[in-house]
Amino acid sequence: MTTGKTILIASILSFNFALNGHAQQGRATLEKIHEAIVQSNRLYSQGFEKHQAALVVERYSTDGAIMAPNTQAITSREGFLAFFNGGYEHGIRKVYFQTIKVFGFSGDFVNEEGLYELKDEKGQTIDRGKYIVVWKKTKPGWKMYRDIFNTDVKASKIGHGLKH
């Protein structure tokens, strides 16, 4: 084999090993981020169960936004608190999140796709639907930057409990 071919083959192999290592590192990073998101969602849920607004509000970045249906974006800590209190006043006591996929990691941002379910104190489902959250890397950790969701329930059934 000529020296040129040997160098070419060695270069290709080195490049492939580097790409494979980068892909594995990316998967490991995404798995860690996924776990951080799941943990943050657990704390959000605990906020409703324990009626502790701070657990919910602290899930959002300081420049975050809740983009709920049929209303303008909520972009302040006071707005996040009002959102929590409004949900609690409407009977939400348990919030369940199911992360379907975490994708689109770009260093400081990542996206989460998931499903949610809201229950009252009797365990009755009040609402369920789907969401997309853009998460932002901050000094304290991953925080919700854009929280966008919508219901799968017809408007007439929301707030009156779902008929199963």
N, C-alpha and C. Protein backbone atom coordinates (compact mmCIF):
# COMPACT_ATOMS: atom_id res chain seq x y z
N MET A 1 0.86 -1.16 0.00
CA MET A 1 0.00 0.00 0.00
C MET A 1 0.90 1.22 0.00
N THR A 2 0.51 2.22 -0.74
CA THR A 2 1.33 3.42 -0.82
C THR A 2 1.13 4.28 0.42
N THR A 3 2.08 5.14 0.65
CA THR A 3 2.02 6.02 1.81
C THR A 3 0.79 6.93 1.73
N GLY A 4 0.45 7.38 0.55
CA GLY A 4 -0.72 8.26 0.37
C GLY A 4 -2.01 7.57 0.76
N LYS A 5 -2.15 6.28 0.31
CA LYS A 5 -3.36 5.54 0.66
C LYS A 5 -3.43 5.27 2.16
N THR A 6 -2.29 4.98 2.76
CA THR A 6 -2.24 4.72 4.20
C THR A 6 -2.68 5.96 4.97
N ILE A 7 -2.19 7.11 4.58
CA ILE A 7 -2.55 8.37 5.24
C ILE A 7 -4.04 8.65 5.05
N LEU A 8 -4.54 8.41 3.84
CA LEU A 8 -5.97 8.63 3.56
C LEU A 8 -6.85 7.72 4.42
N ILE A 9 -6.51 6.45 4.49
CA ILE A 9 -7.29 5.49 5.29
C ILE A 9 -7.21 5.87 6.77
N ALA A 10 -6.04 6.22 7.26
CA ALA A 10 -5.89 6.62 8.67
C ALA A 10 -6.70 7.87 8.96
N SER A 11 -6.72 8.81 8.02
CA SER A 11 -7.50 10.04 8.20
C SER A 11 -8.99 9.75 8.25
N ILE A 12 -9.48 8.89 7.37
CA ILE A 12 -10.90 8.53 7.34
C ILE A 12 -11.28 7.84 8.64
N LEU A 13 -10.45 6.89 9.09
CA LEU A 13 -10.74 6.18 10.34
C LEU A 13 -10.75 7.15 11.53
N SER A 14 -9.79 8.05 11.58
CA SER A 14 -9.73 9.03 12.67
C SER A 14 -10.97 9.91 12.67
N PHE A 15 -11.38 10.34 11.48
CA PHE A 15 -12.57 11.18 11.34
C PHE A 15 -13.82 10.43 11.81
N ASN A 16 -13.96 9.16 11.40
CA ASN A 16 -15.12 8.36 11.80
C ASN A 16 -15.15 8.15 13.31
N PHE A 17 -13.98 7.87 13.91
CA PHE A 17 -13.92 7.70 15.37
C PHE A 17 -14.30 9.00 16.07
N ALA A 18 -13.84 10.13 15.55
CA ALA A 18 -14.16 11.43 16.14
C ALA A 18 -15.66 11.69 16.05
N LEU A 19 -16.26 11.42 14.89
CA LEU A 19 -17.71 11.62 14.72
C LEU A 19 -18.49 10.72 15.67
N ASN A 20 -18.09 9.47 15.78
CA ASN A 20 -18.78 8.53 16.66
C ASN A 20 -18.67 8.97 18.11
N GLY A 21 -17.51 9.41 18.52
CA GLY A 21 -17.31 9.89 19.89
C GLY A 21 -18.15 11.13 20.16
N HIS A 22 -18.23 12.04 19.20
CA HIS A 22 -19.04 13.25 19.35
C HIS A 22 -20.52 12.88 19.45
N ALA A 23 -20.98 11.95 18.65
CA ALA A 23 -22.38 11.51 18.69
C ALA A 23 -22.70 10.88 20.04
N GLN A 24 -21.79 10.04 20.56
CA GLN A 24 -22.02 9.41 21.87
C GLN A 24 -22.04 10.46 22.97
N GLN A 25 -21.14 11.44 22.88
CA GLN A 25 -21.10 12.51 23.87
C GLN A 25 -22.40 13.32 23.80
N GLY A 26 -22.90 13.58 22.59
CA GLY A 26 -24.15 14.31 22.41
C GLY A 26 -25.33 13.57 23.01
N ARG A 27 -25.37 12.24 22.82
CA ARG A 27 -26.45 11.43 23.41
C ARG A 27 -26.38 11.47 24.93
N ALA A 28 -25.17 11.36 25.48
CA ALA A 28 -25.01 11.40 26.94
C ALA A 28 -25.46 12.75 27.48
N THR A 29 -25.10 13.83 26.80
CA THR A 29 -25.52 15.17 27.21
C THR A 29 -27.03 15.29 27.17
N LEU A 30 -27.64 14.84 26.08
CA LEU A 30 -29.09 14.91 25.94
C LEU A 30 -29.79 14.07 27.02
N GLU A 31 -29.22 12.93 27.37
CA GLU A 31 -29.79 12.10 28.44
C GLU A 31 -29.74 12.83 29.78
N LYS A 32 -28.64 13.53 30.06
CA LYS A 32 -28.53 14.31 31.30
C LYS A 32 -29.55 15.44 31.31
N ILE A 33 -29.70 16.11 30.19
CA ILE A 33 -30.67 17.19 30.09
C ILE A 33 -32.08 16.64 30.27
N HIS A 34 -32.35 15.51 29.65
CA HIS A 34 -33.66 14.85 29.79
C HIS A 34 -33.97 14.60 31.27
N GLU A 35 -33.01 14.09 32.01
CA GLU A 35 -33.20 13.83 33.44
C GLU A 35 -33.45 15.12 34.21
N ALA A 36 -32.72 16.18 33.88
CA ALA A 36 -32.92 17.47 34.54
C ALA A 36 -34.33 18.00 34.28
N ILE A 37 -34.82 17.81 33.07
CA ILE A 37 -36.17 18.26 32.71
C ILE A 37 -37.21 17.45 33.47
N VAL A 38 -37.05 16.15 33.52
CA VAL A 38 -37.99 15.29 34.26
C VAL A 38 -38.02 15.70 35.73
N GLN A 39 -36.86 15.97 36.31
CA GLN A 39 -36.80 16.39 37.71
C GLN A 39 -37.50 17.74 37.90
N SER A 40 -37.29 18.68 37.00
CA SER A 40 -37.95 19.98 37.08
C SER A 40 -39.46 19.82 36.98
N ASN A 41 -39.91 18.94 36.10
CA ASN A 41 -41.35 18.68 35.97
C ASN A 41 -41.92 18.07 37.25
N ARG A 42 -41.14 17.24 37.93
CA ARG A 42 -41.59 16.67 39.22
C ARG A 42 -41.79 17.78 40.25
N LEU A 43 -40.85 18.72 40.29
CA LEU A 43 -40.97 19.84 41.22
C LEU A 43 -42.18 20.71 40.89
N TYR A 44 -42.45 20.91 39.61
CA TYR A 44 -43.63 21.65 39.17
C TYR A 44 -44.88 20.96 39.71
N SER A 45 -44.94 19.66 39.54
CA SER A 45 -46.09 18.88 40.02
C SER A 45 -46.23 18.99 41.54
N GLN A 46 -45.11 18.92 42.24
CA GLN A 46 -45.14 19.03 43.70
C GLN A 46 -45.66 20.39 44.14
N GLY A 47 -45.40 21.42 43.34
CA GLY A 47 -45.90 22.76 43.65
C GLY A 47 -47.41 22.78 43.77
N PHE A 48 -48.09 22.08 42.88
CA PHE A 48 -49.55 22.02 42.96
C PHE A 48 -50.01 21.12 44.10
N GLU A 49 -49.36 19.99 44.27
CA GLU A 49 -49.76 19.07 45.33
C GLU A 49 -49.61 19.70 46.71
N LYS A 50 -48.56 20.50 46.89
CA LYS A 50 -48.27 21.09 48.20
C LYS A 50 -48.71 22.55 48.30
N HIS A 51 -49.31 23.08 47.24
CA HIS A 51 -49.71 24.48 47.14
C HIS A 51 -48.54 25.40 47.45
N GLN A 52 -47.43 25.14 46.77
CA GLN A 52 -46.21 25.94 46.92
C GLN A 52 -45.87 26.58 45.57
N ALA A 53 -46.32 27.80 45.42
CA ALA A 53 -46.15 28.52 44.16
C ALA A 53 -44.68 28.63 43.75
N ALA A 54 -43.78 28.79 44.72
CA ALA A 54 -42.37 28.96 44.39
C ALA A 54 -41.82 27.79 43.60
N LEU A 55 -42.28 26.56 43.90
CA LEU A 55 -41.81 25.40 43.15
C LEU A 55 -42.19 25.49 41.67
N VAL A 56 -43.34 26.08 41.40
CA VAL A 56 -43.79 26.24 40.01
C VAL A 56 -43.06 27.41 39.36
N VAL A 57 -43.09 28.57 40.01
CA VAL A 57 -42.51 29.78 39.44
C VAL A 57 -41.02 29.61 39.15
N GLU A 58 -40.31 28.91 40.02
CA GLU A 58 -38.86 28.73 39.85
C GLU A 58 -38.51 27.79 38.69
N ARG A 59 -39.47 27.15 38.09
CA ARG A 59 -39.20 26.30 36.93
C ARG A 59 -38.93 27.15 35.69
N TYR A 60 -39.30 28.43 35.72
CA TYR A 60 -39.19 29.32 34.56
C TYR A 60 -37.95 30.20 34.65
N SER A 61 -37.35 30.47 33.50
CA SER A 61 -36.23 31.42 33.45
C SER A 61 -36.79 32.83 33.70
N THR A 62 -35.91 33.73 34.13
CA THR A 62 -36.36 35.09 34.43
C THR A 62 -36.93 35.79 33.19
N ASP A 63 -36.52 35.37 32.01
CA ASP A 63 -37.06 35.93 30.76
C ASP A 63 -38.00 34.95 30.07
N GLY A 64 -38.56 34.04 30.85
CA GLY A 64 -39.44 33.01 30.31
C GLY A 64 -40.82 33.54 29.96
N ALA A 65 -41.61 32.68 29.31
CA ALA A 65 -42.98 33.03 28.93
C ALA A 65 -43.85 31.77 28.95
N ILE A 66 -45.06 31.95 29.50
CA ILE A 66 -46.09 30.92 29.41
C ILE A 66 -47.01 31.36 28.29
N MET A 67 -47.18 30.51 27.31
CA MET A 67 -47.98 30.84 26.14
C MET A 67 -49.20 29.92 26.12
N ALA A 68 -50.13 30.23 27.02
CA ALA A 68 -51.34 29.43 27.19
C ALA A 68 -52.36 29.77 26.10
N PRO A 69 -53.27 28.86 25.82
CA PRO A 69 -54.31 29.13 24.81
C PRO A 69 -55.23 30.27 25.25
N ASN A 70 -55.73 30.98 24.29
CA ASN A 70 -56.77 32.00 24.50
C ASN A 70 -56.37 33.14 25.42
N THR A 71 -55.09 33.45 25.47
CA THR A 71 -54.62 34.56 26.30
C THR A 71 -53.28 35.05 25.78
N GLN A 72 -52.90 36.25 26.21
CA GLN A 72 -51.60 36.78 25.84
C GLN A 72 -50.51 36.05 26.61
N ALA A 73 -49.30 36.12 26.11
CA ALA A 73 -48.16 35.48 26.78
C ALA A 73 -47.96 36.10 28.16
N ILE A 74 -47.62 35.26 29.11
CA ILE A 74 -47.33 35.68 30.47
C ILE A 74 -45.81 35.72 30.59
N THR A 75 -45.26 36.89 30.96
CA THR A 75 -43.81 37.06 30.88
C THR A 75 -43.16 37.62 32.15
N SER A 76 -43.85 37.57 33.27
CA SER A 76 -43.26 38.11 34.49
C SER A 76 -43.45 37.13 35.65
N ARG A 77 -42.65 37.29 36.68
CA ARG A 77 -42.78 36.45 37.88
C ARG A 77 -44.18 36.62 38.49
N GLU A 78 -44.67 37.86 38.49
CA GLU A 78 -46.02 38.12 39.02
C GLU A 78 -47.06 37.39 38.17
N GLY A 79 -46.85 37.39 36.86
CA GLY A 79 -47.76 36.68 35.96
C GLY A 79 -47.71 35.18 36.17
N PHE A 80 -46.50 34.65 36.38
CA PHE A 80 -46.36 33.20 36.64
C PHE A 80 -47.10 32.84 37.93
N LEU A 81 -46.97 33.70 38.95
CA LEU A 81 -47.63 33.46 40.22
C LEU A 81 -49.15 33.51 40.04
N ALA A 82 -49.65 34.49 39.29
CA ALA A 82 -51.09 34.59 39.03
C ALA A 82 -51.58 33.37 38.26
N PHE A 83 -50.77 32.88 37.33
CA PHE A 83 -51.11 31.69 36.55
C PHE A 83 -51.26 30.48 37.49
N PHE A 84 -50.29 30.30 38.38
CA PHE A 84 -50.35 29.22 39.37
C PHE A 84 -51.59 29.35 40.24
N ASN A 85 -51.79 30.55 40.81
CA ASN A 85 -52.93 30.75 41.71
C ASN A 85 -54.26 30.55 40.98
N GLY A 86 -54.34 30.97 39.73
CA GLY A 86 -55.55 30.76 38.95
C GLY A 86 -55.83 29.28 38.75
N GLY A 87 -54.81 28.52 38.44
CA GLY A 87 -54.96 27.07 38.28
C GLY A 87 -55.39 26.41 39.57
N TYR A 88 -54.78 26.85 40.66
CA TYR A 88 -55.12 26.27 41.96
C TYR A 88 -56.56 26.61 42.34
N GLU A 89 -56.96 27.84 42.09
CA GLU A 89 -58.33 28.27 42.38
C GLU A 89 -59.35 27.50 41.54
N HIS A 90 -58.95 27.08 40.36
CA HIS A 90 -59.84 26.30 39.49
C HIS A 90 -59.78 24.80 39.80
N GLY A 91 -59.12 24.45 40.89
CA GLY A 91 -59.19 23.07 41.36
C GLY A 91 -58.03 22.16 41.00
N ILE A 92 -57.02 22.68 40.31
CA ILE A 92 -55.88 21.83 39.95
C ILE A 92 -55.10 21.49 41.22
N ARG A 93 -54.95 20.19 41.46
CA ARG A 93 -54.18 19.73 42.62
C ARG A 93 -53.05 18.80 42.23
N LYS A 94 -53.15 18.21 41.07
CA LYS A 94 -52.09 17.33 40.59
C LYS A 94 -51.84 17.63 39.12
N VAL A 95 -50.57 17.68 38.78
CA VAL A 95 -50.16 17.91 37.40
C VAL A 95 -49.22 16.78 37.02
N TYR A 96 -49.55 16.08 35.98
CA TYR A 96 -48.71 14.98 35.50
C TYR A 96 -48.13 15.35 34.15
N PHE A 97 -46.82 15.14 34.00
CA PHE A 97 -46.14 15.36 32.73
C PHE A 97 -45.56 14.05 32.24
N GLN A 98 -45.66 13.83 30.96
CA GLN A 98 -44.99 12.69 30.33
C GLN A 98 -44.13 13.25 29.20
N THR A 99 -42.84 13.26 29.42
CA THR A 99 -41.92 13.73 28.39
C THR A 99 -41.85 12.67 27.30
N ILE A 100 -42.22 13.06 26.10
CA ILE A 100 -42.18 12.16 24.95
C ILE A 100 -40.80 12.18 24.30
N LYS A 101 -40.27 13.40 24.15
CA LYS A 101 -39.00 13.52 23.44
C LYS A 101 -38.31 14.82 23.85
N VAL A 102 -37.00 14.77 23.98
CA VAL A 102 -36.16 15.95 24.15
C VAL A 102 -35.28 16.00 22.92
N PHE A 103 -35.26 17.15 22.25
CA PHE A 103 -34.57 17.24 20.95
C PHE A 103 -34.11 18.66 20.67
N GLY A 104 -33.29 18.81 19.66
CA GLY A 104 -32.87 20.12 19.18
C GLY A 104 -31.89 20.83 20.08
N PHE A 105 -31.04 20.10 20.80
CA PHE A 105 -30.06 20.70 21.69
C PHE A 105 -29.10 21.58 20.89
N SER A 106 -28.96 22.84 21.33
CA SER A 106 -28.07 23.76 20.62
C SER A 106 -27.07 24.44 21.55
N GLY A 107 -26.83 23.87 22.70
CA GLY A 107 -25.89 24.45 23.64
C GLY A 107 -26.60 25.13 24.80
N ASP A 108 -27.37 26.19 24.50
CA ASP A 108 -28.09 26.91 25.54
C ASP A 108 -29.59 26.64 25.54
N PHE A 109 -30.08 25.96 24.51
CA PHE A 109 -31.51 25.68 24.40
C PHE A 109 -31.74 24.24 23.98
N VAL A 110 -32.88 23.70 24.43
CA VAL A 110 -33.30 22.37 24.03
C VAL A 110 -34.83 22.36 24.06
N ASN A 111 -35.45 21.48 23.30
CA ASN A 111 -36.90 21.40 23.23
C ASN A 111 -37.40 20.11 23.86
N GLU A 112 -38.57 20.23 24.49
CA GLU A 112 -39.24 19.07 25.07
C GLU A 112 -40.64 18.97 24.47
N GLU A 113 -41.01 17.78 24.07
CA GLU A 113 -42.37 17.50 23.61
C GLU A 113 -42.99 16.54 24.62
N GLY A 114 -44.23 16.81 25.02
CA GLY A 114 -44.83 15.94 26.00
C GLY A 114 -46.33 16.02 26.08
N LEU A 115 -46.86 15.26 27.04
CA LEU A 115 -48.28 15.22 27.34
C LEU A 115 -48.47 15.64 28.79
N TYR A 116 -49.62 16.27 29.07
CA TYR A 116 -49.92 16.63 30.45
C TYR A 116 -51.32 16.17 30.82
N GLU A 117 -51.55 16.05 32.12
CA GLU A 117 -52.87 15.76 32.65
C GLU A 117 -53.01 16.51 33.97
N LEU A 118 -54.15 17.19 34.15
CA LEU A 118 -54.44 17.94 35.35
C LEU A 118 -55.58 17.26 36.09
N LYS A 119 -55.41 17.11 37.41
CA LYS A 119 -56.44 16.44 38.22
C LYS A 119 -56.84 17.32 39.40
N ASP A 120 -58.06 17.11 39.86
CA ASP A 120 -58.56 17.83 41.03
C ASP A 120 -58.26 17.04 42.30
N GLU A 121 -58.78 17.55 43.45
CA GLU A 121 -58.50 16.90 44.73
C GLU A 121 -59.10 15.51 44.85
N LYS A 122 -60.10 15.19 44.03
CA LYS A 122 -60.71 13.86 44.04
C LYS A 122 -60.04 12.91 43.04
N GLY A 123 -59.04 13.41 42.34
CA GLY A 123 -58.36 12.58 41.35
C GLY A 123 -59.05 12.56 39.99
N GLN A 124 -60.08 13.40 39.83
CA GLN A 124 -60.78 13.50 38.55
C GLN A 124 -59.94 14.30 37.57
N THR A 125 -59.88 13.87 36.34
CA THR A 125 -59.14 14.59 35.31
C THR A 125 -59.92 15.85 34.94
N ILE A 126 -59.25 16.98 35.05
CA ILE A 126 -59.82 18.28 34.69
C ILE A 126 -59.48 18.59 33.23
N ASP A 127 -58.25 18.27 32.84
CA ASP A 127 -57.79 18.59 31.49
C ASP A 127 -56.63 17.66 31.15
N ARG A 128 -56.42 17.49 29.87
CA ARG A 128 -55.24 16.78 29.37
C ARG A 128 -54.94 17.31 27.98
N GLY A 129 -53.68 17.24 27.62
CA GLY A 129 -53.28 17.77 26.31
C GLY A 129 -51.82 17.52 26.04
N LYS A 130 -51.28 18.36 25.18
CA LYS A 130 -49.89 18.21 24.77
C LYS A 130 -49.18 19.55 24.92
N TYR A 131 -47.85 19.49 24.94
CA TYR A 131 -47.08 20.71 25.12
C TYR A 131 -45.73 20.62 24.41
N ILE A 132 -45.19 21.80 24.17
CA ILE A 132 -43.81 21.96 23.73
C ILE A 132 -43.20 22.99 24.68
N VAL A 133 -42.05 22.66 25.24
CA VAL A 133 -41.32 23.62 26.07
C VAL A 133 -39.94 23.80 25.48
N VAL A 134 -39.55 25.06 25.32
CA VAL A 134 -38.17 25.39 24.98
C VAL A 134 -37.49 25.66 26.32
N TRP A 135 -36.47 24.88 26.62
CA TRP A 135 -35.72 25.00 27.87
C TRP A 135 -34.45 25.80 27.61
N LYS A 136 -34.08 26.62 28.59
CA LYS A 136 -32.90 27.48 28.49
C LYS A 136 -31.91 27.10 29.60
N LYS A 137 -30.65 26.98 29.21
CA LYS A 137 -29.60 26.70 30.19
C LYS A 137 -29.28 27.99 30.93
N THR A 138 -29.41 27.95 32.26
CA THR A 138 -29.12 29.12 33.09
C THR A 138 -28.10 28.71 34.15
N LYS A 139 -27.58 29.67 34.89
CA LYS A 139 -26.62 29.34 35.95
C LYS A 139 -27.19 28.34 36.95
N PRO A 140 -28.47 28.51 37.40
CA PRO A 140 -29.01 27.51 38.34
C PRO A 140 -29.40 26.19 37.70
N GLY A 141 -29.43 26.11 36.37
CA GLY A 141 -29.81 24.88 35.70
C GLY A 141 -30.78 25.15 34.56
N TRP A 142 -31.39 24.09 34.04
CA TRP A 142 -32.33 24.21 32.92
C TRP A 142 -33.66 24.76 33.41
N LYS A 143 -34.13 25.82 32.75
CA LYS A 143 -35.38 26.49 33.10
C LYS A 143 -36.26 26.61 31.86
N MET A 144 -37.56 26.65 32.09
CA MET A 144 -38.49 26.81 30.96
C MET A 144 -38.37 28.23 30.42
N TYR A 145 -38.14 28.33 29.13
CA TYR A 145 -38.01 29.61 28.46
C TYR A 145 -39.30 29.95 27.72
N ARG A 146 -39.86 28.99 27.03
CA ARG A 146 -41.16 29.14 26.37
C ARG A 146 -41.97 27.88 26.66
N ASP A 147 -43.12 28.07 27.29
CA ASP A 147 -44.01 26.98 27.70
C ASP A 147 -45.30 27.14 26.89
N ILE A 148 -45.49 26.25 25.94
CA ILE A 148 -46.61 26.33 25.01
C ILE A 148 -47.41 25.04 25.12
N PHE A 149 -48.72 25.15 25.33
CA PHE A 149 -49.53 23.95 25.50
C PHE A 149 -50.95 24.18 25.00
N ASN A 150 -51.63 23.08 24.72
CA ASN A 150 -53.05 23.16 24.40
C ASN A 150 -53.74 21.86 24.74
N THR A 151 -55.02 21.98 24.97
CA THR A 151 -55.83 20.89 25.47
C THR A 151 -56.28 19.93 24.38
N ASP A 152 -56.58 18.73 24.78
CA ASP A 152 -57.21 17.74 23.89
C ASP A 152 -58.71 17.63 24.20
N VAL A 153 -59.18 18.45 25.16
CA VAL A 153 -60.55 18.34 25.65
C VAL A 153 -61.40 19.46 25.03
N LYS A 154 -62.62 19.14 24.67
CA LYS A 154 -63.53 20.14 24.16
C LYS A 154 -63.77 21.20 25.23
N ALA A 155 -63.87 22.45 24.81
CA ALA A 155 -63.98 23.58 25.74
C ALA A 155 -65.13 23.42 26.73
N SER A 156 -66.23 22.84 26.34
CA SER A 156 -67.38 22.71 27.24
C SER A 156 -67.11 21.76 28.40
N LYS A 157 -66.12 20.90 28.29
CA LYS A 157 -65.84 19.92 29.34
C LYS A 157 -64.75 20.39 30.30
N ILE A 158 -63.95 21.37 29.91
CA ILE A 158 -62.88 21.85 30.77
C ILE A 158 -63.50 22.57 31.96
N GLY A 159 -63.00 22.28 33.13
CA GLY A 159 -63.50 22.90 34.35
C GLY A 159 -64.70 22.18 34.94
N HIS A 160 -65.28 21.26 34.22
CA HIS A 160 -66.43 20.50 34.72
C HIS A 160 -66.06 19.04 34.92
N GLY A 161 -64.80 18.71 34.80
CA GLY A 161 -64.39 17.32 34.88
C GLY A 161 -64.64 16.64 33.55
N LEU A 162 -63.84 15.70 33.20
CA LEU A 162 -64.01 14.99 31.94
C LEU A 162 -64.99 13.85 32.11
N LYS A 163 -65.69 13.57 31.07
CA LYS A 163 -66.59 12.41 31.06
C LYS A 163 -65.79 11.25 30.47
N HIS A 164 -65.64 10.20 31.23
CA HIS A 164 -64.85 9.05 30.76
C HIS A 164 -65.73 8.02 30.12
